[in-house]
Amino acid sequence: MKKWIWIAIGSAVLVAGGVTFAVVLVNTNNVKASSFEIEGTWQFFEQGNLEQGREFMVFKDGKAQDYIDGKMVRESAYSVTNINATFTAANVTFKDWDSGYALTRKSVTKDIFGLFGDNNEAFYFVRVKDDEHLNASSYSVTDFQNKEFKVLIHATAIKEQEEFVRFTDSTITFIRGDATVVDHAAFKVENSVITAPGFKFYICAIQEQSYRLCEIAEDALTGERAFWPWEWRLL
């Protein structure tokens, strides 16, 4: 797998075999849950992986295709069981694998979910545009200038206090409840990565009002990387 300077995506587990999800939605009155659809293209991130590459899973017509740096490396099939009433939790079993995974997601979003396996395996999936695995999007500072966002998902979690991100032409302000955490700090966007003091985000997708990013946290001593998906809703 090629090294890629910004994020570690890819995995010893998911690369070892392709994935296909058996898509089953239960009857529910929860609109947010019933609108969740696994089909589509997802960029995924493995916690702690030092080998880096742009890796995606494309779920379509009962098949899951694994792409690394624009090339399909595997195709396989799957099953989902023990789905709860809102499809925020389930068990996922992959064909020809010896272990299963727990799927979890927040009901407020249909565009981010996690898979968790034995031995502390953790993967986060972020929905991207359908052909992102073949034609990478390019983002610039103009995608953020003079815009305001409500934070829907903060590093995979929903915060008790409301959070907002506000941009001017050249600065970013991050507000949590009544506290200003970052106040008019300079930001820049290069190679689809947005940086500001205390923040580094890889931009996964900008689709209508949804801005989906993955925070990059790197241990200064070990170099190990952690990845935390965020979703911002444009106001």
C-alpha atoms as a PDB file:
ATOM      1  CA  MET A   1       0.000   0.000   0.000  1.00  0.00           C
ATOM      2  CA  LYS A   2       1.376   3.397  -0.916  1.00  0.00           C
ATOM      3  CA  LYS A   3       2.226   5.901   1.764  1.00  0.00           C
ATOM      4  CA  TRP A   4       0.050   8.988   1.646  1.00  0.00           C
ATOM      5  CA  ILE A   5       1.135  11.994   3.637  1.00  0.00           C
ATOM      6  CA  TRP A   6      -2.182  13.014   5.147  1.00  0.00           C
ATOM      7  CA  ILE A   7      -4.203  10.028   6.275  1.00  0.00           C
ATOM      8  CA  ALA A   8      -3.983   6.364   6.998  1.00  0.00           C
ATOM      9  CA  ILE A   9      -6.892   4.643   5.465  1.00  0.00           C
ATOM     10  CA  GLY A  10      -6.754   1.028   4.598  1.00  0.00           C
ATOM     11  CA  SER A  11      -6.386  -1.896   6.843  1.00  0.00           C
ATOM     12  CA  ALA A  12      -4.792  -5.212   7.466  1.00  0.00           C
ATOM     13  CA  VAL A  13      -8.313  -6.497   8.005  1.00  0.00           C
ATOM     14  CA  LEU A  14     -10.420  -4.944   5.279  1.00  0.00           C
ATOM     15  CA  VAL A  15      -7.741  -5.238   2.666  1.00  0.00           C
ATOM     16  CA  ALA A  16      -7.398  -8.910   3.525  1.00  0.00           C
ATOM     17  CA  GLY A  17     -10.840  -9.493   2.077  1.00  0.00           C
ATOM     18  CA  GLY A  18     -13.460  -7.484   0.234  1.00  0.00           C
ATOM     19  CA  VAL A  19     -16.655  -6.577   1.970  1.00  0.00           C
ATOM     20  CA  THR A  20     -20.271  -6.709   0.954  1.00  0.00           C
ATOM     21  CA  PHE A  21     -23.088  -5.664   3.207  1.00  0.00           C
ATOM     22  CA  ALA A  22     -26.439  -7.452   3.150  1.00  0.00           C
ATOM     23  CA  VAL A  23     -28.614  -4.403   3.234  1.00  0.00           C
ATOM     24  CA  VAL A  24     -31.663  -4.951   5.392  1.00  0.00           C
ATOM     25  CA  LEU A  25     -33.691  -2.049   6.721  1.00  0.00           C
ATOM     26  CA  VAL A  26     -36.276  -2.778   9.384  1.00  0.00           C
ATOM     27  CA  ASN A  27     -39.714  -1.178   9.536  1.00  0.00           C
ATOM     28  CA  THR A  28     -39.521   1.853  11.764  1.00  0.00           C
ATOM     29  CA  ASN A  29     -41.136   5.190  12.356  1.00  0.00           C
ATOM     30  CA  ASN A  30     -37.743   6.785  12.875  1.00  0.00           C
ATOM     31  CA  VAL A  31     -37.245   8.758   9.658  1.00  0.00           C
ATOM     32  CA  LYS A  32     -33.547   9.296  10.263  1.00  0.00           C
ATOM     33  CA  ALA A  33     -32.983   5.597  10.774  1.00  0.00           C
ATOM     34  CA  SER A  34     -35.120   4.387   7.900  1.00  0.00           C
ATOM     35  CA  SER A  35     -33.346   6.757   5.505  1.00  0.00           C
ATOM     36  CA  PHE A  36     -29.976   5.124   6.218  1.00  0.00           C
ATOM     37  CA  GLU A  37     -28.648   3.307   3.160  1.00  0.00           C
ATOM     38  CA  ILE A  38     -25.405   1.390   3.043  1.00  0.00           C
ATOM     39  CA  GLU A  39     -25.216   1.396  -0.741  1.00  0.00           C
ATOM     40  CA  GLY A  40     -22.848   3.976  -2.109  1.00  0.00           C
ATOM     41  CA  THR A  41     -19.181   4.858  -1.841  1.00  0.00           C
ATOM     42  CA  TRP A  42     -17.434   5.190   1.519  1.00  0.00           C
ATOM     43  CA  GLN A  43     -13.938   6.310   2.393  1.00  0.00           C
ATOM     44  CA  PHE A  44     -12.710   4.399   5.414  1.00  0.00           C
ATOM     45  CA  PHE A  45     -10.085   5.004   8.057  1.00  0.00           C
ATOM     46  CA  GLU A  46      -8.368   2.443  10.287  1.00  0.00           C
ATOM     47  CA  GLN A  47      -7.286   3.672  13.695  1.00  0.00           C
ATOM     48  CA  GLY A  48      -3.554   3.409  14.293  1.00  0.00           C
ATOM     49  CA  ASN A  49      -2.597   2.277  10.800  1.00  0.00           C
ATOM     50  CA  LEU A  50       0.774   3.695   9.778  1.00  0.00           C
ATOM     51  CA  GLU A  51       0.601   2.432   6.200  1.00  0.00           C
ATOM     52  CA  GLN A  52      -1.267   5.018   4.209  1.00  0.00           C
ATOM     53  CA  GLY A  53      -3.358   5.030   1.064  1.00  0.00           C
ATOM     54  CA  ARG A  54      -6.676   6.302  -0.245  1.00  0.00           C
ATOM     55  CA  GLU A  55      -9.058   3.436   0.393  1.00  0.00           C
ATOM     56  CA  PHE A  56     -12.746   3.106  -0.338  1.00  0.00           C
ATOM     57  CA  MET A  57     -15.546   0.579  -0.157  1.00  0.00           C
ATOM     58  CA  VAL A  58     -18.226   0.688  -2.852  1.00  0.00           C
ATOM     59  CA  PHE A  59     -21.441  -1.108  -1.898  1.00  0.00           C
ATOM     60  CA  LYS A  60     -23.719  -1.802  -4.859  1.00  0.00           C
ATOM     61  CA  ASP A  61     -26.092  -4.558  -5.968  1.00  0.00           C
ATOM     62  CA  GLY A  62     -25.121  -6.922  -3.172  1.00  0.00           C
ATOM     63  CA  LYS A  63     -21.402  -6.561  -3.840  1.00  0.00           C
ATOM     64  CA  ALA A  64     -18.710  -4.715  -1.955  1.00  0.00           C
ATOM     65  CA  GLN A  65     -15.653  -3.571  -3.850  1.00  0.00           C
ATOM     66  CA  ASP A  66     -12.455  -2.489  -2.126  1.00  0.00           C
ATOM     67  CA  TYR A  67     -10.461   0.237  -3.911  1.00  0.00           C
ATOM     68  CA  ILE A  68      -6.947   1.395  -3.032  1.00  0.00           C
ATOM     69  CA  ASP A  69      -5.542   4.410  -4.837  1.00  0.00           C
ATOM     70  CA  GLY A  70      -8.094   4.043  -7.629  1.00  0.00           C
ATOM     71  CA  LYS A  71      -7.667   0.303  -8.236  1.00  0.00           C
ATOM     72  CA  MET A  72     -10.108  -2.402  -7.172  1.00  0.00           C
ATOM     73  CA  VAL A  73      -8.271  -5.006  -5.122  1.00  0.00           C
ATOM     74  CA  ARG A  74     -11.145  -7.177  -3.866  1.00  0.00           C
ATOM     75  CA  GLU A  75     -14.815  -7.925  -4.289  1.00  0.00           C
ATOM     76  CA  SER A  76     -16.881  -9.997  -1.886  1.00  0.00           C
ATOM     77  CA  ALA A  77     -20.191 -10.396   0.001  1.00  0.00           C
ATOM     78  CA  TYR A  78     -21.632  -9.934   3.555  1.00  0.00           C
ATOM     79  CA  SER A  79     -24.481 -10.300   6.038  1.00  0.00           C
ATOM     80  CA  VAL A  80     -25.942  -8.069   8.717  1.00  0.00           C
ATOM     81  CA  THR A  81     -27.752  -9.455  11.760  1.00  0.00           C
ATOM     82  CA  ASN A  82     -29.101  -8.285  15.130  1.00  0.00           C
ATOM     83  CA  ILE A  83     -30.116  -4.915  13.736  1.00  0.00           C
ATOM     84  CA  ASN A  84     -31.729  -2.745  16.385  1.00  0.00           C
ATOM     85  CA  ALA A  85     -34.956  -0.874  15.765  1.00  0.00           C
ATOM     86  CA  THR A  86     -33.293   2.298  14.487  1.00  0.00           C
ATOM     87  CA  PHE A  87     -30.397   0.639  12.636  1.00  0.00           C
ATOM     88  CA  THR A  88     -27.853   2.394  14.835  1.00  0.00           C
ATOM     89  CA  ALA A  89     -26.310  -0.951  15.817  1.00  0.00           C
ATOM     90  CA  ALA A  90     -25.915  -4.332  14.143  1.00  0.00           C
ATOM     91  CA  ASN A  91     -23.531  -7.237  13.734  1.00  0.00           C
ATOM     92  CA  VAL A  92     -21.672  -7.580  10.446  1.00  0.00           C
ATOM     93  CA  THR A  93     -20.152 -10.811   9.176  1.00  0.00           C
ATOM     94  CA  PHE A  94     -17.932 -10.875   6.121  1.00  0.00           C
ATOM     95  CA  LYS A  95     -17.721 -13.823   3.797  1.00  0.00           C
ATOM     96  CA  ASP A  96     -14.737 -16.101   4.416  1.00  0.00           C
ATOM     97  CA  TRP A  97     -13.656 -14.195   7.515  1.00  0.00           C
ATOM     98  CA  ASP A  98     -13.235 -15.788  10.917  1.00  0.00           C
ATOM     99  CA  SER A  99     -14.471 -12.831  12.946  1.00  0.00           C
ATOM    100  CA  GLY A 100     -17.435 -10.485  12.945  1.00  0.00           C
ATOM    101  CA  TYR A 101     -17.764  -6.763  13.516  1.00  0.00           C
ATOM    102  CA  ALA A 102     -20.108  -4.498  15.391  1.00  0.00           C
ATOM    103  CA  LEU A 103     -21.611  -1.702  13.303  1.00  0.00           C
ATOM    104  CA  THR A 104     -22.539   1.482  15.140  1.00  0.00           C
ATOM    105  CA  ARG A 105     -23.745   4.859  13.968  1.00  0.00           C
ATOM    106  CA  LYS A 106     -25.500   7.949  15.325  1.00  0.00           C
ATOM    107  CA  SER A 107     -29.120   8.377  14.293  1.00  0.00           C
ATOM    108  CA  VAL A 108     -28.527  12.061  13.460  1.00  0.00           C
ATOM    109  CA  THR A 109     -26.450  11.161  10.407  1.00  0.00           C
ATOM    110  CA  LYS A 110     -26.738   8.710   7.549  1.00  0.00           C
ATOM    111  CA  ASP A 111     -23.213   9.404   6.333  1.00  0.00           C
ATOM    112  CA  ILE A 112     -20.867   8.106   9.048  1.00  0.00           C
ATOM    113  CA  PHE A 113     -20.615   4.714  10.743  1.00  0.00           C
ATOM    114  CA  GLY A 114     -18.047   2.614  12.572  1.00  0.00           C
ATOM    115  CA  LEU A 115     -17.042  -1.041  12.491  1.00  0.00           C
ATOM    116  CA  PHE A 116     -15.395  -2.542  15.549  1.00  0.00           C
ATOM    117  CA  GLY A 117     -13.838  -5.992  15.791  1.00  0.00           C
ATOM    118  CA  ASP A 118     -11.735  -8.112  18.070  1.00  0.00           C
ATOM    119  CA  ASN A 119      -8.196  -7.077  19.038  1.00  0.00           C
ATOM    120  CA  ASN A 120      -9.179  -3.392  19.196  1.00  0.00           C
ATOM    121  CA  GLU A 121      -9.837  -3.149  15.471  1.00  0.00           C
ATOM    122  CA  ALA A 122     -11.671   0.077  14.666  1.00  0.00           C
ATOM    123  CA  PHE A 123     -12.717   1.489  11.303  1.00  0.00           C
ATOM    124  CA  TYR A 124     -14.691   4.626  10.499  1.00  0.00           C
ATOM    125  CA  PHE A 125     -16.589   4.968   7.221  1.00  0.00           C
ATOM    126  CA  VAL A 126     -17.496   8.346   5.707  1.00  0.00           C
ATOM    127  CA  ARG A 127     -19.841   8.601   2.739  1.00  0.00           C
ATOM    128  CA  VAL A 128     -18.342  10.365  -0.293  1.00  0.00           C
ATOM    129  CA  LYS A 129     -19.534  11.090  -3.843  1.00  0.00           C
ATOM    130  CA  ASP A 130     -20.198   7.985  -5.895  1.00  0.00           C
ATOM    131  CA  ASP A 131     -17.072   8.173  -8.081  1.00  0.00           C
ATOM    132  CA  GLU A 132     -14.677   9.534  -5.451  1.00  0.00           C
ATOM    133  CA  HIS A 133     -12.688   6.273  -5.511  1.00  0.00           C
ATOM    134  CA  LEU A 134     -11.866   6.912  -9.171  1.00  0.00           C
ATOM    135  CA  ASN A 135     -11.947  10.713  -9.454  1.00  0.00           C
ATOM    136  CA  ALA A 136     -10.719  12.488  -6.351  1.00  0.00           C
ATOM    137  CA  SER A 137     -12.415  15.781  -5.502  1.00  0.00           C
ATOM    138  CA  SER A 138     -10.391  18.933  -4.993  1.00  0.00           C
ATOM    139  CA  TYR A 139     -11.287  21.470  -2.304  1.00  0.00           C
ATOM    140  CA  SER A 140     -10.006  24.957  -1.633  1.00  0.00           C
ATOM    141  CA  VAL A 141     -10.338  27.800   0.838  1.00  0.00           C
ATOM    142  CA  THR A 142     -13.297  29.197  -1.109  1.00  0.00           C
ATOM    143  CA  ASP A 143     -15.395  26.195  -0.035  1.00  0.00           C
ATOM    144  CA  PHE A 144     -15.243  27.524   3.549  1.00  0.00           C
ATOM    145  CA  GLN A 145     -14.869  31.284   3.373  1.00  0.00           C
ATOM    146  CA  ASN A 146     -17.638  33.304   5.029  1.00  0.00           C
ATOM    147  CA  LYS A 147     -19.664  30.235   5.979  1.00  0.00           C
ATOM    148  CA  GLU A 148     -21.130  29.115   9.291  1.00  0.00           C
ATOM    149  CA  PHE A 149     -21.767  25.537  10.369  1.00  0.00           C
ATOM    150  CA  LYS A 150     -23.467  23.655  13.155  1.00  0.00           C
ATOM    151  CA  VAL A 151     -21.447  20.653  14.308  1.00  0.00           C
ATOM    152  CA  LEU A 152     -23.614  17.581  13.882  1.00  0.00           C
ATOM    153  CA  ILE A 153     -20.974  14.940  14.677  1.00  0.00           C
ATOM    154  CA  HIS A 154     -17.839  15.808  16.638  1.00  0.00           C
ATOM    155  CA  ALA A 155     -15.171  13.112  16.358  1.00  0.00           C
ATOM    156  CA  THR A 156     -17.851  10.390  16.041  1.00  0.00           C
ATOM    157  CA  ALA A 157     -19.820  11.735  19.040  1.00  0.00           C
ATOM    158  CA  ILE A 158     -22.768  14.040  19.679  1.00  0.00           C
ATOM    159  CA  LYS A 159     -21.869  16.736  22.192  1.00  0.00           C
ATOM    160  CA  GLU A 160     -24.207  17.815  24.987  1.00  0.00           C
ATOM    161  CA  GLN A 161     -23.451  21.458  24.231  1.00  0.00           C
ATOM    162  CA  GLU A 162     -24.110  22.862  20.775  1.00  0.00           C
ATOM    163  CA  GLU A 163     -21.028  23.607  18.696  1.00  0.00           C
ATOM    164  CA  PHE A 164     -20.550  25.985  15.787  1.00  0.00           C
ATOM    165  CA  VAL A 165     -17.745  26.668  13.317  1.00  0.00           C
ATOM    166  CA  ARG A 166     -17.566  30.095  11.687  1.00  0.00           C
ATOM    167  CA  PHE A 167     -15.279  31.219   8.882  1.00  0.00           C
ATOM    168  CA  THR A 168     -14.342  34.630   7.561  1.00  0.00           C
ATOM    169  CA  ASP A 169     -12.137  35.157   4.509  1.00  0.00           C
ATOM    170  CA  SER A 170      -9.076  34.028   6.431  1.00  0.00           C
ATOM    171  CA  THR A 171     -10.033  32.932   9.968  1.00  0.00           C
ATOM    172  CA  ILE A 172     -11.893  30.175  11.777  1.00  0.00           C
ATOM    173  CA  THR A 173     -13.799  30.428  15.077  1.00  0.00           C
ATOM    174  CA  PHE A 174     -14.959  27.361  17.005  1.00  0.00           C
ATOM    175  CA  ILE A 175     -17.670  27.812  19.636  1.00  0.00           C
ATOM    176  CA  ARG A 176     -18.875  25.251  22.183  1.00  0.00           C
ATOM    177  CA  GLY A 177     -21.863  26.345  24.239  1.00  0.00           C
ATOM    178  CA  ASP A 178     -20.971  29.740  25.674  1.00  0.00           C
ATOM    179  CA  ALA A 179     -17.211  29.231  25.256  1.00  0.00           C
ATOM    180  CA  THR A 180     -15.093  30.268  22.290  1.00  0.00           C
ATOM    181  CA  VAL A 181     -12.527  27.504  21.931  1.00  0.00           C
ATOM    182  CA  VAL A 182     -10.771  28.930  18.864  1.00  0.00           C
ATOM    183  CA  ASP A 183     -11.129  32.656  18.213  1.00  0.00           C
ATOM    184  CA  HIS A 184     -10.453  34.001  14.721  1.00  0.00           C
ATOM    185  CA  ALA A 185      -7.429  31.798  14.085  1.00  0.00           C
ATOM    186  CA  ALA A 186      -5.877  31.731  10.628  1.00  0.00           C
ATOM    187  CA  PHE A 187      -6.735  28.699   8.514  1.00  0.00           C
ATOM    188  CA  LYS A 188      -5.629  27.321   5.175  1.00  0.00           C
ATOM    189  CA  VAL A 189      -6.693  24.583   2.776  1.00  0.00           C
ATOM    190  CA  GLU A 190      -4.051  22.684   0.822  1.00  0.00           C
ATOM    191  CA  ASN A 191      -4.363  19.309  -0.911  1.00  0.00           C
ATOM    192  CA  SER A 192      -7.887  18.972   0.490  1.00  0.00           C
ATOM    193  CA  VAL A 193      -6.602  19.326   4.051  1.00  0.00           C
ATOM    194  CA  ILE A 194      -7.797  22.175   6.234  1.00  0.00           C
ATOM    195  CA  THR A 195      -5.453  23.272   9.019  1.00  0.00           C
ATOM    196  CA  ALA A 196      -5.697  25.783  11.850  1.00  0.00           C
ATOM    197  CA  PRO A 197      -4.106  25.963  15.311  1.00  0.00           C
ATOM    198  CA  GLY A 198      -5.145  22.759  17.054  1.00  0.00           C
ATOM    199  CA  PHE A 199      -6.968  21.365  14.010  1.00  0.00           C
ATOM    200  CA  LYS A 200      -6.078  19.278  10.984  1.00  0.00           C
ATOM    201  CA  PHE A 201      -8.933  17.862   8.897  1.00  0.00           C
ATOM    202  CA  TYR A 202      -8.924  15.827   5.728  1.00  0.00           C
ATOM    203  CA  ILE A 203     -11.966  16.900   3.687  1.00  0.00           C
ATOM    204  CA  CYS A 204     -13.900  13.792   2.685  1.00  0.00           C
ATOM    205  CA  ALA A 205     -16.995  15.264   1.060  1.00  0.00           C
ATOM    206  CA  ILE A 206     -18.952  18.444   0.514  1.00  0.00           C
ATOM    207  CA  GLN A 207     -22.465  17.600  -0.601  1.00  0.00           C
ATOM    208  CA  GLU A 208     -25.206  20.194  -0.404  1.00  0.00           C
ATOM    209  CA  GLN A 209     -25.366  21.313   3.264  1.00  0.00           C
ATOM    210  CA  SER A 210     -23.260  18.455   4.624  1.00  0.00           C
ATOM    211  CA  TYR A 211     -19.521  18.931   5.083  1.00  0.00           C
ATOM    212  CA  ARG A 212     -17.836  15.668   6.138  1.00  0.00           C
ATOM    213  CA  LEU A 213     -14.268  15.718   7.404  1.00  0.00           C
ATOM    214  CA  CYS A 214     -11.891  13.433   9.243  1.00  0.00           C
ATOM    215  CA  GLU A 215      -9.760  14.911  12.008  1.00  0.00           C
ATOM    216  CA  ILE A 216      -6.155  13.736  11.940  1.00  0.00           C
ATOM    217  CA  ALA A 217      -4.524  13.310  15.356  1.00  0.00           C
ATOM    218  CA  GLU A 218      -0.874  12.245  15.343  1.00  0.00           C
ATOM    219  CA  ASP A 219       1.236  11.148  18.302  1.00  0.00           C
ATOM    220  CA  ALA A 220       4.411  13.244  18.251  1.00  0.00           C
ATOM    221  CA  LEU A 221       6.490  10.438  19.776  1.00  0.00           C
ATOM    222  CA  THR A 222       5.214   7.290  18.039  1.00  0.00           C
ATOM    223  CA  GLY A 223       3.800   8.766  14.836  1.00  0.00           C
ATOM    224  CA  GLU A 224       0.625   6.729  15.343  1.00  0.00           C
ATOM    225  CA  ARG A 225      -2.424   8.352  13.827  1.00  0.00           C
ATOM    226  CA  ALA A 226      -5.998   8.437  14.999  1.00  0.00           C
ATOM    227  CA  PHE A 227      -8.904   9.496  12.802  1.00  0.00           C
ATOM    228  CA  TRP A 228     -12.133  11.050  14.017  1.00  0.00           C
ATOM    229  CA  PRO A 229     -14.972  11.795  11.563  1.00  0.00           C
ATOM    230  CA  TRP A 230     -16.883  15.063  11.944  1.00  0.00           C
ATOM    231  CA  GLU A 231     -19.969  16.285  10.134  1.00  0.00           C
ATOM    232  CA  TRP A 232     -20.802  19.975   9.827  1.00  0.00           C
ATOM    233  CA  ARG A 233     -24.192  21.199   8.674  1.00  0.00           C
ATOM    234  CA  LEU A 234     -24.169  24.453   6.716  1.00  0.00           C
ATOM    235  CA  LEU A 235     -26.380  27.157   8.214  1.00  0.00           C
END
